[in-house]
């Protein structure tokens, strides 16, 4: 996929995060550019999910800096953190829908967290548009228990899109899905970027997803960036560790 140099919208420098004696992130430095799909690749336990949780301050980093737009997250106050989170959509690995709420109520809840107050008609229009964008308009009054795994992922993305975020963080978006549904979700990630001009960090170890969505790849190993580059640069690299992912 082609990508031209763009403005930096997330700038992470020397990020460190430990849990007790375990160093999970040990000096990660990376940047996300405007209108870019950045894939973060690595083995299980390499710190990929910890990284994106630090970006939205679900976890507090120990050292280093995270700049999101004009905001530095180290010691950020609550008011500014809320503002940062309004710019970021987070698609959790399990979609994280509220089981006791219908699809409509799940999406309404996201809108209720914004500063702006919408009329009932505006809310309905926004929800219907978000569901159209993920090709599930007829699911609006269904419960999560009535949805397949792939449908839940789509609804999770609709709940993210309904608030029009500039940045989307995807945590293992294709995990647990069959190959056809995985392909659909990967294509949906691309369609979302094109339609809404947003930027994304995609955490995955699904190489087929990587090949579909990646504008650029960062590989994490031992808590640090091991390699950064294009898909072509990764596939042509003879490093045995890198080839263990792509073969």
Protein backbone atom coordinates (compact mmCIF):
# COMPACT_ATOMS: atom_id res chain seq x y z
CA UNK A 1 0.00 0.00 0.00
CA UNK A 2 1.29 3.46 -0.82
CA UNK A 3 1.91 6.07 1.80
CA UNK A 4 3.41 9.54 1.52
CA UNK A 5 5.00 11.50 4.39
CA UNK A 6 2.34 13.11 6.56
CA UNK A 7 2.06 15.02 9.79
CA UNK A 8 2.92 13.12 12.95
CA UNK A 9 -0.17 12.68 15.14
CA UNK A 10 1.24 10.28 17.74
CA UNK A 11 4.88 10.57 18.78
CA UNK A 12 6.20 8.00 21.28
CA UNK A 13 9.74 8.25 22.61
CA UNK A 14 11.69 5.80 24.80
CA UNK A 15 8.52 4.33 26.30
CA UNK A 16 9.04 1.99 29.25
CA UNK A 17 6.52 -0.05 31.20
CA UNK A 18 7.18 -2.77 33.75
CA UNK A 19 4.98 -5.00 35.87
CA UNK A 20 7.05 -5.83 38.93
CA UNK A 21 10.37 -7.19 37.69
CA UNK A 22 9.02 -7.85 34.20
CA UNK A 23 10.03 -5.21 31.65
CA UNK A 24 7.32 -5.28 29.00
CA UNK A 25 8.24 -2.10 27.13
CA UNK A 26 11.90 -1.21 27.36
CA UNK A 27 12.40 1.94 25.30
CA UNK A 28 9.87 1.87 22.44
CA UNK A 29 10.07 4.80 20.03
CA UNK A 30 7.61 5.11 17.15
CA UNK A 31 5.43 7.58 15.30
CA UNK A 32 1.98 7.43 13.72
CA UNK A 33 1.44 9.67 10.73
CA UNK A 34 -1.74 11.27 9.47
CA UNK A 35 -3.92 8.98 7.31
CA UNK A 36 -1.71 5.97 7.97
CA UNK A 37 -2.33 2.36 8.96
CA UNK A 38 0.59 1.45 11.20
CA UNK A 39 0.82 -2.25 12.10
CA UNK A 40 2.58 -3.20 15.32
CA UNK A 41 3.77 -6.77 14.98
CA UNK A 42 5.28 -9.09 17.57
CA UNK A 43 4.88 -12.37 19.38
CA UNK A 44 2.38 -12.81 22.20
CA UNK A 45 3.64 -11.10 25.34
CA UNK A 46 5.87 -8.69 23.42
CA UNK A 47 4.00 -5.64 24.75
CA UNK A 48 1.84 -4.76 21.76
CA UNK A 49 -1.42 -4.41 23.68
CA UNK A 50 0.34 -2.71 26.60
CA UNK A 51 1.60 -0.11 24.12
CA UNK A 52 -1.83 0.95 22.89
CA UNK A 53 -3.29 0.89 26.40
CA UNK A 54 -0.57 3.36 27.39
CA UNK A 55 -1.57 5.58 24.44
CA UNK A 56 -5.04 6.10 25.96
CA UNK A 57 -3.75 6.01 29.57
CA UNK A 58 -5.59 2.82 30.45
CA UNK A 59 -2.11 1.97 31.72
CA UNK A 60 0.37 4.55 33.02
CA UNK A 61 3.82 4.32 31.46
CA UNK A 62 6.87 4.38 33.73
CA UNK A 63 9.26 6.41 31.57
CA UNK A 64 9.36 8.14 28.21
CA UNK A 65 6.81 10.35 26.48
CA UNK A 66 3.58 9.96 24.50
CA UNK A 67 2.51 12.97 22.45
CA UNK A 68 -1.00 12.79 20.94
CA UNK A 69 -1.56 15.88 18.82
CA UNK A 70 -0.91 18.83 21.11
CA UNK A 71 -1.13 16.78 24.31
CA UNK A 72 1.71 15.13 26.22
CA UNK A 73 0.26 12.27 28.26
CA UNK A 74 2.85 12.20 31.05
CA UNK A 75 1.14 13.69 34.12
CA UNK A 76 -1.77 14.88 31.97
CA UNK A 77 -4.73 16.31 33.88
CA UNK A 78 -8.14 14.67 33.76
CA UNK A 79 -9.75 17.35 31.60
CA UNK A 80 -7.06 17.12 28.92
CA UNK A 81 -7.08 13.32 29.05
CA UNK A 82 -10.81 13.32 28.31
CA UNK A 83 -10.10 15.57 25.32
CA UNK A 84 -7.40 13.18 24.05
CA UNK A 85 -9.71 10.18 24.42
CA UNK A 86 -12.37 11.93 22.37
CA UNK A 87 -9.95 11.92 19.44
CA UNK A 88 -9.21 8.20 19.77
CA UNK A 89 -11.38 5.18 19.06
CA UNK A 90 -10.34 1.91 20.69
CA UNK A 91 -11.51 -1.39 19.21
CA UNK A 92 -10.91 -3.96 21.93
CA UNK A 93 -9.94 -7.53 21.09
CA UNK A 94 -13.31 -8.92 22.17
CA UNK A 95 -15.31 -5.91 20.85
CA UNK A 96 -16.26 -5.19 24.52
CA UNK A 97 -19.94 -4.55 23.86
CA UNK A 98 -22.22 -4.12 26.86
CA UNK A 99 -24.12 -7.41 26.99
CA UNK A 100 -27.19 -5.90 28.67
CA UNK A 101 -27.62 -3.21 26.00
CA UNK A 102 -28.94 -3.46 22.44
CA UNK A 103 -26.69 -2.40 19.57
CA UNK A 104 -28.56 0.92 19.48
CA UNK A 105 -27.96 1.46 23.20
CA UNK A 106 -24.27 0.55 22.88
CA UNK A 107 -23.77 3.21 20.22
CA UNK A 108 -25.93 5.76 22.06
CA UNK A 109 -23.74 5.30 25.12
CA UNK A 110 -20.66 6.30 23.08
CA UNK A 111 -22.39 9.45 21.88
CA UNK A 112 -23.47 10.32 25.43
CA UNK A 113 -19.81 10.59 26.45
CA UNK A 114 -19.21 13.50 24.06
CA UNK A 115 -19.49 17.12 25.14
CA UNK A 116 -22.02 17.92 22.45
CA UNK A 117 -25.65 17.09 23.15
CA UNK A 118 -27.59 15.58 20.27
CA UNK A 119 -31.31 15.43 19.62
CA UNK A 120 -32.96 12.01 19.43
CA UNK A 121 -33.17 12.37 15.65
CA UNK A 122 -29.47 13.25 15.39
CA UNK A 123 -28.55 10.25 17.54
CA UNK A 124 -30.67 7.91 15.41
CA UNK A 125 -29.17 9.30 12.20
CA UNK A 126 -25.61 8.92 13.50
CA UNK A 127 -26.22 5.37 14.69
CA UNK A 128 -27.87 4.33 11.44
CA UNK A 129 -24.99 5.85 9.45
CA UNK A 130 -22.37 4.07 11.59
CA UNK A 131 -24.15 0.74 11.13
CA UNK A 132 -24.39 1.32 7.38
CA UNK A 133 -20.63 1.92 7.34
CA UNK A 134 -20.04 -1.58 8.76
CA UNK A 135 -22.81 -3.15 6.62
CA UNK A 136 -25.01 -4.11 9.57
CA UNK A 137 -27.99 -1.72 9.42
CA UNK A 138 -30.48 -4.43 10.43
CA UNK A 139 -28.69 -5.20 13.70
CA UNK A 140 -29.72 -1.95 15.42
CA UNK A 141 -32.11 -3.52 17.94
CA UNK A 142 -30.30 -6.82 18.44
CA UNK A 143 -28.57 -7.88 21.63
CA UNK A 144 -24.85 -8.79 21.54
CA UNK A 145 -25.78 -12.41 22.31
CA UNK A 146 -27.57 -12.54 18.94
CA UNK A 147 -24.43 -11.56 17.02
CA UNK A 148 -21.62 -13.70 15.63
CA UNK A 149 -17.99 -12.95 16.49
CA UNK A 150 -17.47 -11.10 13.24
CA UNK A 151 -20.65 -9.08 13.71
CA UNK A 152 -19.56 -8.09 17.21
CA UNK A 153 -16.25 -6.80 15.78
CA UNK A 154 -18.19 -4.76 13.22
CA UNK A 155 -20.51 -3.34 15.86
CA UNK A 156 -17.47 -2.53 18.00
CA UNK A 157 -16.07 -0.58 15.05
CA UNK A 158 -19.44 1.13 14.47
CA UNK A 159 -19.44 2.20 18.13
CA UNK A 160 -16.00 3.69 17.53
CA UNK A 161 -16.94 5.40 14.25
CA UNK A 162 -20.10 6.98 15.63
CA UNK A 163 -17.99 9.53 17.54
CA UNK A 164 -15.87 10.32 14.45
CA UNK A 165 -12.40 9.73 15.95
CA UNK A 166 -9.23 10.96 14.22
CA UNK A 167 -7.28 7.92 15.46
CA UNK A 168 -8.37 4.30 15.83
CA UNK A 169 -6.47 1.70 17.86
CA UNK A 170 -7.25 -1.89 16.85
CA UNK A 171 -6.28 -4.62 19.32
CA UNK A 172 -6.04 -7.95 17.44
CA UNK A 173 -9.04 -7.17 15.19
CA UNK A 174 -9.10 -10.57 13.46
CA UNK A 175 -8.35 -12.86 16.41
CA UNK A 176 -10.81 -15.74 16.77
CA UNK A 177 -12.46 -15.17 13.39
CA UNK A 178 -12.71 -17.55 10.46
CA UNK A 179 -10.58 -16.68 7.38
CA UNK A 180 -13.43 -15.15 5.37
CA UNK A 181 -14.59 -12.94 8.24
CA UNK A 182 -10.98 -11.99 9.01
CA UNK A 183 -10.59 -10.80 5.42
CA UNK A 184 -13.81 -8.78 5.71
CA UNK A 185 -12.58 -7.06 8.88
CA UNK A 186 -9.18 -6.30 7.29
CA UNK A 187 -10.88 -4.77 4.26
CA UNK A 188 -13.17 -2.81 6.55
CA UNK A 189 -10.12 -1.31 8.30
CA UNK A 190 -8.89 -0.07 4.91
CA UNK A 191 -12.31 1.20 3.87
CA UNK A 192 -12.62 3.10 7.16
CA UNK A 193 -9.29 4.87 6.62
CA UNK A 194 -10.20 5.87 3.07
CA UNK A 195 -13.71 7.07 3.93
CA UNK A 196 -12.91 8.94 7.15
CA UNK A 197 -9.26 9.95 6.60
CA UNK A 198 -8.32 8.65 10.02
CA UNK A 199 -5.09 7.10 11.25
CA UNK A 200 -4.79 3.70 12.87
CA UNK A 201 -2.48 1.56 14.92
CA UNK A 202 -3.29 -2.10 14.35
CA UNK A 203 -1.98 -4.65 16.83
CA UNK A 204 -1.88 -8.08 15.24
CA UNK A 205 0.07 -11.26 14.62
CA UNK A 206 -2.21 -12.21 11.70
CA UNK A 207 0.13 -11.91 8.70
CA UNK A 208 -2.74 -11.99 6.19
CA UNK A 209 -4.23 -8.96 7.97
CA UNK A 210 -0.81 -7.29 7.97
CA UNK A 211 -0.48 -7.76 4.22
CA UNK A 212 -3.92 -6.26 3.65
CA UNK A 213 -3.82 -3.20 5.90
CA UNK A 214 -0.21 -2.14 6.53
CA UNK A 215 1.11 1.14 5.20
CA UNK A 216 4.06 0.67 7.54
CA UNK A 217 5.12 -1.98 10.06
CA UNK A 218 6.87 -1.75 13.42
CA UNK A 219 8.06 -5.04 14.91
CA UNK A 220 8.55 -5.23 18.67
CA UNK A 221 10.92 -7.72 20.26
CA UNK A 222 12.21 -7.79 23.85
CA UNK A 223 10.31 -4.59 24.63
CA UNK A 224 11.98 -2.55 21.88
CA UNK A 225 11.45 -1.76 18.21
CA UNK A 226 13.31 -4.51 16.37
CA UNK A 227 12.56 -3.31 12.84
CA UNK A 228 10.52 -0.60 11.14
CA UNK A 229 9.64 -0.39 7.46
CA UNK A 230 7.30 -1.22 4.62
CA UNK A 231 5.72 -4.61 4.00
CA UNK A 232 8.12 -5.11 1.09
CA UNK A 233 11.13 -4.39 3.34
CA UNK A 234 9.91 -6.96 5.85
CA UNK A 235 9.17 -9.69 3.32
CA UNK A 236 12.58 -9.26 1.67
CA UNK A 237 14.51 -9.24 4.97
CA UNK A 238 16.47 -12.47 5.46
CA UNK A 239 16.60 -12.12 9.25
CA UNK A 240 15.41 -15.53 10.57
CA UNK A 241 13.32 -13.92 13.32
CA UNK A 242 11.46 -11.71 10.84
CA UNK A 243 11.03 -14.58 8.38
CA UNK A 244 9.50 -16.71 11.15
CA UNK A 245 6.47 -14.40 10.92
CA UNK A 246 6.22 -14.23 7.12
CA UNK A 247 6.91 -17.84 6.16
